[in-house]
Amino acid sequence: MKQNLILIGFMGSGKSTVGRELAKVLEMNFVDTDHYIENKEKMKIKEIFSLKGEKYFREIEAKYVKEISKMNNTVISTGGGVVASDTNIMLLKKRGFVIYLDCTVECIYKRVSRRNTRPLLNDVKDLHSRIVELLNERVDNYKKYMDDKVYIDSNTNIWDTVDKIKKMYIKFD
């Protein structure tokens, strides 16, 4: 079996929530790349973007993804844009099984509009259009790098998602 399970998908698709539960069920470690970066940089992602810009964030993201990719027996919840870098996702994929959480735009909109912690969605006039724009930029890479996917909408139960991914992961062995 590949050593890690990597969750990719757009922001708000449930990677962190599902990842934490998967790690418990599969008795694996759990790492959220965004939280890892925040702990290392001692700043929230929103602050990093605000103070140092997206370019800086993508540089340190690459640095920390390299560290994370060396972990074993870990469920890794990636930041929504980690697939924008072929190098980042290939490092993770080399030692892991990649699941794409394919979440509907409506579900994403509902989830991300609750908080303003997502720098690429802040200060936009039309949040729905911005989500569609960013998703269209990333969806080909999500599909390109996935080993399998789980469809998610507003009615999807977290436990059903965890169970589906667990079965995919075990079967992948």
Foldseek 3Di string as FASTA:
>chain_A
DQFEEEEEEAPLLCLQVLQVVLCVVQVFAEEELQVVLCVVVVHHPLVCCVPPNPVVVLVVSQVVLLVVLPDGRYYYYYHHCQLVDVSSLVSNLVRYAYEYSAEDLVSSCVRCVVDDSDNQQPPDPDSSVSSVVVCVVCVVSSVVRHPYYDYDYPPDDSVVVSVVVVVVRVVVD
